[in-house]
């Protein structure tokens, strides 16, 4: 789950033309700590995701969503039961992992709101 979010953050960061150093500096952390976030080696909090989104100038949902609009145009099934060159079932598994990441983030935000 952290790996999926980290890969998404890295992709978005590279698309926006930021370096790890630039994002880490704006987050007030080391480049090494930020690199561990992108590699999925540490748990990432909703606050960190929000901070990264703000730095990149994007919505938080763009990070937590592993689905690109271009991918939605491709069929997500096997026609007539025949295997395809690129198996889309792994993509579906990644979508499920992202769903659970969304659910975990939602529950953590709801818990934080309840604690306040």
PDB file of N, CA and C in Angstrom:
ATOM      1  N   UNK A   1       0.829  -1.179   0.000  1.00  0.00           N
ATOM      2  CA  UNK A   1       0.000   0.000   0.000  1.00  0.00           C
ATOM      3  C   UNK A   1       0.882   1.255   0.000  1.00  0.00           C
ATOM      4  N   UNK A   2       1.874   1.298   0.889  1.00  0.00           N
ATOM      5  CA  UNK A   2       2.775   2.447   0.905  1.00  0.00           C
ATOM      6  C   UNK A   2       3.555   2.539  -0.390  1.00  0.00           C
ATOM      7  N   UNK A   3       3.885   1.375  -0.964  1.00  0.00           N
ATOM      8  CA  UNK A   3       4.632   1.368  -2.227  1.00  0.00           C
ATOM      9  C   UNK A   3       3.798   1.971  -3.355  1.00  0.00           C
ATOM     10  N   UNK A   4       2.502   1.686  -3.364  1.00  0.00           N
ATOM     11  CA  UNK A   4       1.616   2.236  -4.398  1.00  0.00           C
ATOM     12  C   UNK A   4       1.541   3.754  -4.262  1.00  0.00           C
ATOM     13  N   UNK A   5       1.342   4.240  -3.033  1.00  0.00           N
ATOM     14  CA  UNK A   5       1.285   5.683  -2.807  1.00  0.00           C
ATOM     15  C   UNK A   5       2.625   6.339  -3.134  1.00  0.00           C
ATOM     16  N   UNK A   6       3.719   5.703  -2.720  1.00  0.00           N
ATOM     17  CA  UNK A   6       5.042   6.252  -2.985  1.00  0.00           C
ATOM     18  C   UNK A   6       5.342   6.357  -4.471  1.00  0.00           C
ATOM     19  N   UNK A   7       4.976   5.318  -5.212  1.00  0.00           N
ATOM     20  CA  UNK A   7       5.198   5.338  -6.659  1.00  0.00           C
ATOM     21  C   UNK A   7       4.370   6.436  -7.319  1.00  0.00           C
ATOM     22  N   UNK A   8       3.168   6.620  -6.829  1.00  0.00           N
ATOM     23  CA  UNK A   8       2.300   7.675  -7.363  1.00  0.00           C
ATOM     24  C   UNK A   8       2.892   9.056  -7.074  1.00  0.00           C
ATOM     25  N   UNK A   9       3.390   9.252  -5.861  1.00  0.00           N
ATOM     26  CA  UNK A   9       4.003  10.531  -5.494  1.00  0.00           C
ATOM     27  C   UNK A   9       5.215  10.797  -6.371  1.00  0.00           C
ATOM     28  N   UNK A  10       6.043   9.776  -6.558  1.00  0.00           N
ATOM     29  CA  UNK A  10       7.239   9.947  -7.388  1.00  0.00           C
ATOM     30  C   UNK A  10       6.860  10.334  -8.816  1.00  0.00           C
ATOM     31  N   UNK A  11       5.886   9.641  -9.368  1.00  0.00           N
ATOM     32  CA  UNK A  11       5.451   9.933 -10.733  1.00  0.00           C
ATOM     33  C   UNK A  11       4.954  11.365 -10.863  1.00  0.00           C
ATOM     34  N   UNK A  12       4.135  11.790  -9.915  1.00  0.00           N
ATOM     35  CA  UNK A  12       3.599  13.149  -9.951  1.00  0.00           C
ATOM     36  C   UNK A  12       4.698  14.189  -9.750  1.00  0.00           C
ATOM     37  N   UNK A  13       5.635  13.893  -8.858  1.00  0.00           N
ATOM     38  CA  UNK A  13       6.749  14.820  -8.614  1.00  0.00           C
ATOM     39  C   UNK A  13       7.584  14.996  -9.878  1.00  0.00           C
ATOM     40  N   UNK A  14       7.894  13.890 -10.533  1.00  0.00           N
ATOM     41  CA  UNK A  14       8.693  13.957 -11.762  1.00  0.00           C
ATOM     42  C   UNK A  14       7.935  14.683 -12.868  1.00  0.00           C
ATOM     43  N   UNK A  15       6.635  14.454 -12.960  1.00  0.00           N
ATOM     44  CA  UNK A  15       5.812  15.133 -13.961  1.00  0.00           C
ATOM     45  C   UNK A  15       5.835  16.640 -13.747  1.00  0.00           C
ATOM     46  N   UNK A  16       5.814  17.060 -12.480  1.00  0.00           N
ATOM     47  CA  UNK A  16       5.813  18.491 -12.148  1.00  0.00           C
ATOM     48  C   UNK A  16       7.214  19.105 -12.223  1.00  0.00           C
ATOM     49  N   UNK A  17       8.247  18.271 -12.410  1.00  0.00           N
ATOM     50  CA  UNK A  17       9.600  18.789 -12.568  1.00  0.00           C
ATOM     51  C   UNK A  17      10.317  19.124 -11.280  1.00  0.00           C
ATOM     52  N   UNK A  18       9.870  18.558 -10.162  1.00  0.00           N
ATOM     53  CA  UNK A  18      10.520  18.785  -8.870  1.00  0.00           C
ATOM     54  C   UNK A  18      11.557  17.697  -8.615  1.00  0.00           C
ATOM     55  N   UNK A  19      12.596  18.035  -7.875  1.00  0.00           N
ATOM     56  CA  UNK A  19      13.551  17.041  -7.407  1.00  0.00           C
ATOM     57  C   UNK A  19      13.149  16.611  -6.004  1.00  0.00           C
ATOM     58  N   UNK A  20      13.706  15.481  -5.557  1.00  0.00           N
ATOM     59  CA  UNK A  20      13.444  15.043  -4.194  1.00  0.00           C
ATOM     60  C   UNK A  20      13.939  16.084  -3.194  1.00  0.00           C
ATOM     61  N   UNK A  21      15.066  16.687  -3.494  1.00  0.00           N
ATOM     62  CA  UNK A  21      15.621  17.698  -2.594  1.00  0.00           C
ATOM     63  C   UNK A  21      14.682  18.886  -2.423  1.00  0.00           C
ATOM     64  N   UNK A  22      14.085  19.333  -3.518  1.00  0.00           N
ATOM     65  CA  UNK A  22      13.185  20.483  -3.465  1.00  0.00           C
ATOM     66  C   UNK A  22      11.955  20.179  -2.604  1.00  0.00           C
ATOM     67  N   UNK A  23      11.361  19.010  -2.815  1.00  0.00           N
ATOM     68  CA  UNK A  23      10.166  18.653  -2.050  1.00  0.00           C
ATOM     69  C   UNK A  23      10.531  18.453  -0.581  1.00  0.00           C
ATOM     70  N   UNK A  24      11.637  17.763  -0.322  1.00  0.00           N
ATOM     71  CA  UNK A  24      12.059  17.523   1.057  1.00  0.00           C
ATOM     72  C   UNK A  24      12.312  18.834   1.791  1.00  0.00           C
ATOM     73  N   UNK A  25      12.944  19.789   1.107  1.00  0.00           N
ATOM     74  CA  UNK A  25      13.217  21.087   1.736  1.00  0.00           C
ATOM     75  C   UNK A  25      11.923  21.793   2.118  1.00  0.00           C
ATOM     76  N   UNK A  26      10.948  21.763   1.233  1.00  0.00           N
ATOM     77  CA  UNK A  26       9.672  22.422   1.516  1.00  0.00           C
ATOM     78  C   UNK A  26       8.877  21.697   2.601  1.00  0.00           C
ATOM     79  N   UNK A  27       9.156  20.397   2.785  1.00  0.00           N
ATOM     80  CA  UNK A  27       8.499  19.619   3.844  1.00  0.00           C
ATOM     81  C   UNK A  27       9.271  19.703   5.155  1.00  0.00           C
ATOM     82  N   UNK A  28      10.419  20.344   5.124  1.00  0.00           N
ATOM     83  CA  UNK A  28      11.299  20.446   6.294  1.00  0.00           C
ATOM     84  C   UNK A  28      11.759  19.074   6.787  1.00  0.00           C
ATOM     85  N   UNK A  29      12.168  18.245   5.832  1.00  0.00           N
ATOM     86  CA  UNK A  29      12.724  16.948   6.187  1.00  0.00           C
ATOM     87  C   UNK A  29      13.939  16.687   5.302  1.00  0.00           C
ATOM     88  N   UNK A  30      14.649  15.606   5.570  1.00  0.00           N
ATOM     89  CA  UNK A  30      15.820  15.281   4.760  1.00  0.00           C
ATOM     90  C   UNK A  30      15.393  14.630   3.448  1.00  0.00           C
ATOM     91  N   UNK A  31      16.294  14.665   2.473  1.00  0.00           N
ATOM     92  CA  UNK A  31      16.010  14.016   1.201  1.00  0.00           C
ATOM     93  C   UNK A  31      15.883  12.508   1.408  1.00  0.00           C
ATOM     94  N   UNK A  32      16.679  11.960   2.317  1.00  0.00           N
ATOM     95  CA  UNK A  32      16.636  10.528   2.578  1.00  0.00           C
ATOM     96  C   UNK A  32      15.275  10.101   3.135  1.00  0.00           C
ATOM     97  N   UNK A  33      14.734  10.898   4.058  1.00  0.00           N
ATOM     98  CA  UNK A  33      13.415  10.581   4.606  1.00  0.00           C
ATOM     99  C   UNK A  33      12.358  10.652   3.507  1.00  0.00           C
ATOM    100  N   UNK A  34      12.446  11.694   2.666  1.00  0.00           N
ATOM    101  CA  UNK A  34      11.486  11.821   1.579  1.00  0.00           C
ATOM    102  C   UNK A  34      11.627  10.657   0.596  1.00  0.00           C
ATOM    103  N   UNK A  35      12.869  10.243   0.316  1.00  0.00           N
ATOM    104  CA  UNK A  35      13.100   9.120  -0.599  1.00  0.00           C
ATOM    105  C   UNK A  35      12.455   7.846  -0.057  1.00  0.00           C
ATOM    106  N   UNK A  36      12.498   7.649   1.271  1.00  0.00           N
ATOM    107  CA  UNK A  36      11.858   6.471   1.875  1.00  0.00           C
ATOM    108  C   UNK A  36      10.344   6.513   1.697  1.00  0.00           C
ATOM    109  N   UNK A  37       9.769   7.714   1.688  1.00  0.00           N
ATOM    110  CA  UNK A  37       8.327   7.845   1.432  1.00  0.00           C
ATOM    111  C   UNK A  37       8.022   7.366   0.016  1.00  0.00           C
ATOM    112  N   UNK A  38       8.812   7.850  -0.954  1.00  0.00           N
ATOM    113  CA  UNK A  38       8.575   7.467  -2.350  1.00  0.00           C
ATOM    114  C   UNK A  38       8.806   5.975  -2.586  1.00  0.00           C
ATOM    115  N   UNK A  39       9.713   5.383  -1.845  1.00  0.00           N
ATOM    116  CA  UNK A  39       9.992   3.949  -2.001  1.00  0.00           C
ATOM    117  C   UNK A  39       8.985   3.080  -1.247  1.00  0.00           C
ATOM    118  N   UNK A  40       8.153   3.708  -0.434  1.00  0.00           N
ATOM    119  CA  UNK A  40       7.154   2.956   0.327  1.00  0.00           C
ATOM    120  C   UNK A  40       7.732   2.253   1.535  1.00  0.00           C
ATOM    121  N   UNK A  41       8.879   2.712   2.027  1.00  0.00           N
ATOM    122  CA  UNK A  41       9.540   2.070   3.158  1.00  0.00           C
ATOM    123  C   UNK A  41       9.019   2.544   4.506  1.00  0.00           C
ATOM    124  N   UNK A  42       8.295   3.660   4.521  1.00  0.00           N
ATOM    125  CA  UNK A  42       7.737   4.189   5.763  1.00  0.00           C
ATOM    126  C   UNK A  42       6.244   4.437   5.573  1.00  0.00           C
ATOM    127  N   UNK A  43       5.521   4.396   6.678  1.00  0.00           N
ATOM    128  CA  UNK A  43       4.097   4.742   6.619  1.00  0.00           C
ATOM    129  C   UNK A  43       3.987   6.235   6.361  1.00  0.00           C
ATOM    130  N   UNK A  44       3.089   6.593   5.477  1.00  0.00           N
ATOM    131  CA  UNK A  44       2.895   8.004   5.152  1.00  0.00           C
ATOM    132  C   UNK A  44       1.568   8.461   5.739  1.00  0.00           C
ATOM    133  N   UNK A  45       1.607   9.558   6.439  1.00  0.00           N
ATOM    134  CA  UNK A  45       0.400  10.077   7.066  1.00  0.00           C
ATOM    135  C   UNK A  45      -0.401  10.898   6.060  1.00  0.00           C
ATOM    136  N   UNK A  46      -1.663  11.082   6.401  1.00  0.00           N
ATOM    137  CA  UNK A  46      -2.517  11.918   5.551  1.00  0.00           C
ATOM    138  C   UNK A  46      -1.985  13.349   5.513  1.00  0.00           C
ATOM    139  N   UNK A  47      -1.438  13.811   6.637  1.00  0.00           N
ATOM    140  CA  UNK A  47      -0.872  15.166   6.686  1.00  0.00           C
ATOM    141  C   UNK A  47       0.303  15.295   5.715  1.00  0.00           C
ATOM    142  N   UNK A  48       1.134  14.272   5.626  1.00  0.00           N
ATOM    143  CA  UNK A  48       2.260  14.298   4.683  1.00  0.00           C
ATOM    144  C   UNK A  48       1.772  14.282   3.242  1.00  0.00           C
ATOM    145  N   UNK A  49       0.761  13.481   2.970  1.00  0.00           N
ATOM    146  CA  UNK A  49       0.202  13.430   1.616  1.00  0.00           C
ATOM    147  C   UNK A  49      -0.353  14.797   1.242  1.00  0.00           C
ATOM    148  N   UNK A  50      -1.058  15.416   2.176  1.00  0.00           N
ATOM    149  CA  UNK A  50      -1.614  16.748   1.938  1.00  0.00           C
ATOM    150  C   UNK A  50      -0.507  17.769   1.697  1.00  0.00           C
ATOM    151  N   UNK A  51       0.554  17.699   2.489  1.00  0.00           N
ATOM    152  CA  UNK A  51       1.678  18.629   2.324  1.00  0.00           C
ATOM    153  C   UNK A  51       2.350  18.449   0.970  1.00  0.00           C
ATOM    154  N   UNK A  52       2.551  17.204   0.566  1.00  0.00           N
ATOM    155  CA  UNK A  52       3.179  16.931  -0.733  1.00  0.00           C
ATOM    156  C   UNK A  52       2.286  17.445  -1.864  1.00  0.00           C
ATOM    157  N   UNK A  53       0.989  17.214  -1.740  1.00  0.00           N
ATOM    158  CA  UNK A  53       0.053  17.693  -2.768  1.00  0.00           C
ATOM    159  C   UNK A  53       0.117  19.208  -2.888  1.00  0.00           C
ATOM    160  N   UNK A  54       0.173  19.882  -1.760  1.00  0.00           N
ATOM    161  CA  UNK A  54       0.241  21.351  -1.767  1.00  0.00           C
ATOM    162  C   UNK A  54       1.537  21.823  -2.429  1.00  0.00           C
ATOM    163  N   UNK A  55       2.650  21.179  -2.117  1.00  0.00           N
ATOM    164  CA  UNK A  55       3.942  21.534  -2.706  1.00  0.00           C
ATOM    165  C   UNK A  55       3.912  21.339  -4.224  1.00  0.00           C
ATOM    166  N   UNK A  56       3.312  20.232  -4.664  1.00  0.00           N
ATOM    167  CA  UNK A  56       3.254  19.932  -6.096  1.00  0.00           C
ATOM    168  C   UNK A  56       2.160  20.718  -6.816  1.00  0.00           C
ATOM    169  N   UNK A  57       1.297  21.381  -6.047  1.00  0.00           N
ATOM    170  CA  UNK A  57       0.216  22.155  -6.654  1.00  0.00           C
ATOM    171  C   UNK A  57      -0.877  21.295  -7.251  1.00  0.00           C
ATOM    172  N   UNK A  58      -1.180  20.193  -6.562  1.00  0.00           N
ATOM    173  CA  UNK A  58      -2.205  19.264  -7.046  1.00  0.00           C
ATOM    174  C   UNK A  58      -3.184  18.961  -5.919  1.00  0.00           C
ATOM    175  N   UNK A  59      -4.275  18.275  -6.251  1.00  0.00           N
ATOM    176  CA  UNK A  59      -5.240  17.840  -5.246  1.00  0.00           C
ATOM    177  C   UNK A  59      -4.728  16.567  -4.578  1.00  0.00           C
ATOM    178  N   UNK A  60      -5.085  16.387  -3.330  1.00  0.00           N
ATOM    179  CA  UNK A  60      -4.686  15.197  -2.583  1.00  0.00           C
ATOM    180  C   UNK A  60      -5.160  13.924  -3.277  1.00  0.00           C
ATOM    181  N   UNK A  61      -6.333  13.989  -3.882  1.00  0.00           N
ATOM    182  CA  UNK A  61      -6.897  12.821  -4.560  1.00  0.00           C
ATOM    183  C   UNK A  61      -6.023  12.353  -5.716  1.00  0.00           C
ATOM    184  N   UNK A  62      -5.243  13.257  -6.308  1.00  0.00           N
ATOM    185  CA  UNK A  62      -4.362  12.852  -7.396  1.00  0.00           C
ATOM    186  C   UNK A  62      -3.261  11.932  -6.890  1.00  0.00           C
ATOM    187  N   UNK A  63      -2.897  12.074  -5.642  1.00  0.00           N
ATOM    188  CA  UNK A  63      -1.890  11.181  -5.062  1.00  0.00           C
ATOM    189  C   UNK A  63      -2.520   9.855  -4.664  1.00  0.00           C
ATOM    190  N   UNK A  64      -3.664   9.926  -4.017  1.00  0.00           N
ATOM    191  CA  UNK A  64      -4.270   8.701  -3.493  1.00  0.00           C
ATOM    192  C   UNK A  64      -4.960   7.872  -4.571  1.00  0.00           C
ATOM    193  N   UNK A  65      -5.073   8.414  -5.749  1.00  0.00           N
ATOM    194  CA  UNK A  65      -5.679   7.662  -6.842  1.00  0.00           C
ATOM    195  C   UNK A  65      -4.584   7.078  -7.718  1.00  0.00           C
ATOM    196  N   UNK A  66      -4.583   5.788  -7.898  1.00  0.00           N
ATOM    197  CA  UNK A  66      -3.576   5.128  -8.730  1.00  0.00           C
ATOM    198  C   UNK A  66      -4.077   4.933 -10.156  1.00  0.00           C
ATOM    199  N   UNK A  67      -5.230   5.494 -10.473  1.00  0.00           N
ATOM    200  CA  UNK A  67      -5.820   5.291 -11.790  1.00  0.00           C
ATOM    201  C   UNK A  67      -5.632   6.550 -12.629  1.00  0.00           C
ATOM    202  N   UNK A  68      -4.972   6.415 -13.757  1.00  0.00           N
ATOM    203  CA  UNK A  68      -4.848   7.523 -14.701  1.00  0.00           C
ATOM    204  C   UNK A  68      -6.014   7.480 -15.678  1.00  0.00           C
ATOM    205  N   UNK A  69      -6.439   8.611 -16.165  1.00  0.00           N
ATOM    206  CA  UNK A  69      -7.550   8.649 -17.123  1.00  0.00           C
ATOM    207  C   UNK A  69      -7.255   7.831 -18.363  1.00  0.00           C
ATOM    208  N   UNK A  70      -6.003   7.802 -18.800  1.00  0.00           N
ATOM    209  CA  UNK A  70      -5.668   7.040 -20.006  1.00  0.00           C
ATOM    210  C   UNK A  70      -5.842   5.550 -19.779  1.00  0.00           C
ATOM    211  N   UNK A  71      -5.593   5.077 -18.564  1.00  0.00           N
ATOM    212  CA  UNK A  71      -5.746   3.657 -18.276  1.00  0.00           C
ATOM    213  C   UNK A  71      -7.213   3.233 -18.288  1.00  0.00           C
ATOM    214  N   UNK A  72      -8.105   4.155 -17.989  1.00  0.00           N
ATOM    215  CA  UNK A  72      -9.519   3.814 -17.949  1.00  0.00           C
ATOM    216  C   UNK A  72     -10.064   3.498 -19.336  1.00  0.00           C
ATOM    217  N   UNK A  73      -9.404   3.965 -20.380  1.00  0.00           N
ATOM    218  CA  UNK A  73      -9.881   3.720 -21.723  1.00  0.00           C
ATOM    219  C   UNK A  73      -9.601   2.304 -22.188  1.00  0.00           C
ATOM    220  N   UNK A  74      -8.677   1.600 -21.529  1.00  0.00           N
ATOM    221  CA  UNK A  74      -8.321   0.256 -21.908  1.00  0.00           C
ATOM    222  C   UNK A  74      -9.259  -0.739 -21.235  1.00  0.00           C
ATOM    223  N   UNK A  75      -9.626  -1.832 -21.933  1.00  0.00           N
ATOM    224  CA  UNK A  75     -10.500  -2.824 -21.305  1.00  0.00           C
ATOM    225  C   UNK A  75      -9.783  -3.514 -20.154  1.00  0.00           C
ATOM    226  N   UNK A  76     -10.535  -3.783 -19.088  1.00  0.00           N
ATOM    227  CA  UNK A  76      -9.967  -4.401 -17.902  1.00  0.00           C
ATOM    228  C   UNK A  76     -10.406  -5.861 -17.780  1.00  0.00           C
ATOM    229  N   UNK A  77     -10.535  -6.547 -18.888  1.00  0.00           N
ATOM    230  CA  UNK A  77     -10.978  -7.925 -18.863  1.00  0.00           C
ATOM    231  C   UNK A  77     -10.331  -8.679 -20.003  1.00  0.00           C
ATOM    232  N   UNK A  78     -10.457  -9.981 -19.980  1.00  0.00           N
ATOM    233  CA  UNK A  78      -9.958 -10.827 -21.061  1.00  0.00           C
ATOM    234  C   UNK A  78     -11.122 -11.149 -21.980  1.00  0.00           C
ATOM    235  N   UNK A  79     -10.966 -10.781 -23.228  1.00  0.00           N
ATOM    236  CA  UNK A  79     -12.035 -11.069 -24.185  1.00  0.00           C
ATOM    237  C   UNK A  79     -12.048 -12.557 -24.505  1.00  0.00           C
ATOM    238  N   UNK A  80     -13.201 -13.172 -24.434  1.00  0.00           N
ATOM    239  CA  UNK A  80     -13.407 -14.584 -24.746  1.00  0.00           C
ATOM    240  C   UNK A  80     -12.495 -15.504 -23.946  1.00  0.00           C
ATOM    241  N   UNK A  81     -12.044 -15.059 -22.788  1.00  0.00           N
ATOM    242  CA  UNK A  81     -11.210 -15.895 -21.937  1.00  0.00           C
ATOM    243  C   UNK A  81      -9.791 -16.096 -22.429  1.00  0.00           C
ATOM    244  N   UNK A  82      -9.409 -15.408 -23.500  1.00  0.00           N
ATOM    245  CA  UNK A  82      -8.056 -15.588 -24.018  1.00  0.00           C
ATOM    246  C   UNK A  82      -7.095 -14.659 -23.298  1.00  0.00           C
ATOM    247  N   UNK A  83      -5.889 -15.132 -23.028  1.00  0.00           N
ATOM    248  CA  UNK A  83      -4.929 -14.261 -22.348  1.00  0.00           C
ATOM    249  C   UNK A  83      -4.481 -13.120 -23.253  1.00  0.00           C
ATOM    250  N   UNK A  84      -4.237 -11.975 -22.656  1.00  0.00           N
ATOM    251  CA  UNK A  84      -3.758 -10.830 -23.417  1.00  0.00           C
ATOM    252  C   UNK A  84      -2.263 -10.683 -23.205  1.00  0.00           C
ATOM    253  N   UNK A  85      -1.626  -9.939 -24.095  1.00  0.00           N
ATOM    254  CA  UNK A  85      -0.181  -9.749 -23.987  1.00  0.00           C
ATOM    255  C   UNK A  85       0.161  -9.086 -22.658  1.00  0.00           C
ATOM    256  N   UNK A  86      -0.579  -8.050 -22.294  1.00  0.00           N
ATOM    257  CA  UNK A  86      -0.409  -7.392 -20.999  1.00  0.00           C
ATOM    258  C   UNK A  86      -1.607  -7.760 -20.130  1.00  0.00           C
ATOM    259  N   UNK A  87      -1.346  -8.494 -19.075  1.00  0.00           N
ATOM    260  CA  UNK A  87      -2.424  -8.933 -18.204  1.00  0.00           C
ATOM    261  C   UNK A  87      -2.906  -7.771 -17.338  1.00  0.00           C
ATOM    262  N   UNK A  88      -4.167  -7.430 -17.443  1.00  0.00           N
ATOM    263  CA  UNK A  88      -4.736  -6.289 -16.720  1.00  0.00           C
ATOM    264  C   UNK A  88      -5.117  -6.645 -15.287  1.00  0.00           C
ATOM    265  N   UNK A  89      -5.053  -7.926 -14.934  1.00  0.00           N
ATOM    266  CA  UNK A  89      -5.454  -8.303 -13.592  1.00  0.00           C
ATOM    267  C   UNK A  89      -4.504  -7.752 -12.538  1.00  0.00           C
ATOM    268  N   UNK A  90      -3.232  -7.598 -12.854  1.00  0.00           N
ATOM    269  CA  UNK A  90      -2.310  -6.982 -11.907  1.00  0.00           C
ATOM    270  C   UNK A  90      -2.700  -5.528 -11.673  1.00  0.00           C
ATOM    271  N   UNK A  91      -3.138  -4.853 -12.725  1.00  0.00           N
ATOM    272  CA  UNK A  91      -3.602  -3.474 -12.587  1.00  0.00           C
ATOM    273  C   UNK A  91      -4.804  -3.407 -11.657  1.00  0.00           C
ATOM    274  N   UNK A  92      -5.714  -4.354 -11.791  1.00  0.00           N
ATOM    275  CA  UNK A  92      -6.897  -4.390 -10.929  1.00  0.00           C
ATOM    276  C   UNK A  92      -6.476  -4.621  -9.479  1.00  0.00           C
ATOM    277  N   UNK A  93      -5.495  -5.487  -9.260  1.00  0.00           N
ATOM    278  CA  UNK A  93      -5.001  -5.714  -7.897  1.00  0.00           C
ATOM    279  C   UNK A  93      -4.418  -4.436  -7.312  1.00  0.00           C
ATOM    280  N   UNK A  94      -3.717  -3.646  -8.126  1.00  0.00           N
ATOM    281  CA  UNK A  94      -3.187  -2.368  -7.663  1.00  0.00           C
ATOM    282  C   UNK A  94      -4.325  -1.413  -7.314  1.00  0.00           C
ATOM    283  N   UNK A  95      -5.404  -1.445  -8.099  1.00  0.00           N
ATOM    284  CA  UNK A  95      -6.560  -0.602  -7.799  1.00  0.00           C
ATOM    285  C   UNK A  95      -7.170  -0.993  -6.454  1.00  0.00           C
ATOM    286  N   UNK A  96      -7.241  -2.285  -6.183  1.00  0.00           N
ATOM    287  CA  UNK A  96      -7.786  -2.760  -4.915  1.00  0.00           C
ATOM    288  C   UNK A  96      -6.896  -2.299  -3.762  1.00  0.00           C
ATOM    289  N   UNK A  97      -5.568  -2.406  -3.934  1.00  0.00           N
ATOM    290  CA  UNK A  97      -4.645  -1.917  -2.906  1.00  0.00           C
ATOM    291  C   UNK A  97      -4.872  -0.432  -2.646  1.00  0.00           C
ATOM    292  N   UNK A  98      -5.086   0.334  -3.711  1.00  0.00           N
ATOM    293  CA  UNK A  98      -5.328   1.766  -3.569  1.00  0.00           C
ATOM    294  C   UNK A  98      -6.635   2.020  -2.829  1.00  0.00           C
ATOM    295  N   UNK A  99      -7.646   1.213  -3.108  1.00  0.00           N
ATOM    296  CA  UNK A  99      -8.915   1.337  -2.389  1.00  0.00           C
ATOM    297  C   UNK A  99      -8.693   1.170  -0.886  1.00  0.00           C
ATOM    298  N   UNK A 100      -7.924   0.148  -0.510  1.00  0.00           N
ATOM    299  CA  UNK A 100      -7.654  -0.064   0.903  1.00  0.00           C
ATOM    300  C   UNK A 100      -6.833   1.076   1.488  1.00  0.00           C
ATOM    301  N   UNK A 101      -5.932   1.663   0.691  1.00  0.00           N
ATOM    302  CA  UNK A 101      -5.170   2.829   1.155  1.00  0.00           C
ATOM    303  C   UNK A 101      -6.116   3.995   1.417  1.00  0.00           C
ATOM    304  N   UNK A 102      -7.075   4.212   0.501  1.00  0.00           N
ATOM    305  CA  UNK A 102      -8.066   5.275   0.687  1.00  0.00           C
ATOM    306  C   UNK A 102      -8.854   5.022   1.973  1.00  0.00           C
ATOM    307  N   UNK A 103      -9.266   3.784   2.179  1.00  0.00           N
ATOM    308  CA  UNK A 103     -10.068   3.446   3.347  1.00  0.00           C
ATOM    309  C   UNK A 103      -9.278   3.684   4.631  1.00  0.00           C
ATOM    310  N   UNK A 104      -8.006   3.289   4.632  1.00  0.00           N
ATOM    311  CA  UNK A 104      -7.174   3.492   5.815  1.00  0.00           C
ATOM    312  C   UNK A 104      -6.985   4.984   6.084  1.00  0.00           C
ATOM    313  N   UNK A 105      -6.744   5.770   5.036  1.00  0.00           N
ATOM    314  CA  UNK A 105      -6.599   7.216   5.204  1.00  0.00           C
ATOM    315  C   UNK A 105      -7.888   7.839   5.717  1.00  0.00           C
ATOM    316  N   UNK A 106      -9.022   7.414   5.162  1.00  0.00           N
ATOM    317  CA  UNK A 106     -10.310   7.941   5.578  1.00  0.00           C
ATOM    318  C   UNK A 106     -10.544   7.661   7.060  1.00  0.00           C
ATOM    319  N   UNK A 107     -10.264   6.428   7.482  1.00  0.00           N
ATOM    320  CA  UNK A 107     -10.475   6.073   8.879  1.00  0.00           C
ATOM    321  C   UNK A 107      -9.545   6.865   9.795  1.00  0.00           C
ATOM    322  N   UNK A 108      -8.295   7.093   9.353  1.00  0.00           N
ATOM    323  CA  UNK A 108      -7.367   7.844  10.201  1.00  0.00           C
ATOM    324  C   UNK A 108      -7.807   9.294  10.330  1.00  0.00           C
ATOM    325  N   UNK A 109      -8.349   9.875   9.254  1.00  0.00           N
ATOM    326  CA  UNK A 109      -8.833  11.255   9.309  1.00  0.00           C
ATOM    327  C   UNK A 109     -10.069  11.332  10.188  1.00  0.00           C
ATOM    328  N   UNK A 110     -10.965  10.389  10.057  1.00  0.00           N
ATOM    329  CA  UNK A 110     -12.173  10.370  10.884  1.00  0.00           C
ATOM    330  C   UNK A 110     -11.812  10.213  12.357  1.00  0.00           C
ATOM    331  N   UNK A 111     -10.814   9.379  12.645  1.00  0.00           N
ATOM    332  CA  UNK A 111     -10.382   9.172  14.035  1.00  0.00           C
ATOM    333  C   UNK A 111      -9.777  10.462  14.573  1.00  0.00           C
ATOM    334  N   UNK A 112      -8.967  11.156  13.752  1.00  0.00           N
ATOM    335  CA  UNK A 112      -8.351  12.414  14.176  1.00  0.00           C
ATOM    336  C   UNK A 112      -9.429  13.452  14.454  1.00  0.00           C
ATOM    337  N   UNK A 113     -10.475  13.487  13.596  1.00  0.00           N
ATOM    338  CA  UNK A 113     -11.573  14.434  13.802  1.00  0.00           C
ATOM    339  C   UNK A 113     -12.326  14.108  15.088  1.00  0.00           C
ATOM    340  N   UNK A 114     -12.506  12.834  15.377  1.00  0.00           N
ATOM    341  CA  UNK A 114     -13.224  12.421  16.578  1.00  0.00           C
ATOM    342  C   UNK A 114     -12.429  12.748  17.833  1.00  0.00           C
ATOM    343  N   UNK A 115     -11.100  12.667  17.723  1.00  0.00           N
ATOM    344  CA  UNK A 115     -10.247  12.965  18.881  1.00  0.00           C
ATOM    345  C   UNK A 115     -10.256  14.445  19.229  1.00  0.00           C
ATOM    346  N   UNK A 116     -10.504  15.293  18.269  1.00  0.00           N
ATOM    347  CA  UNK A 116     -10.487  16.745  18.503  1.00  0.00           C
ATOM    348  C   UNK A 116     -11.744  17.162  19.137  1.00  0.00           C
TER     349      UNK A 116
END
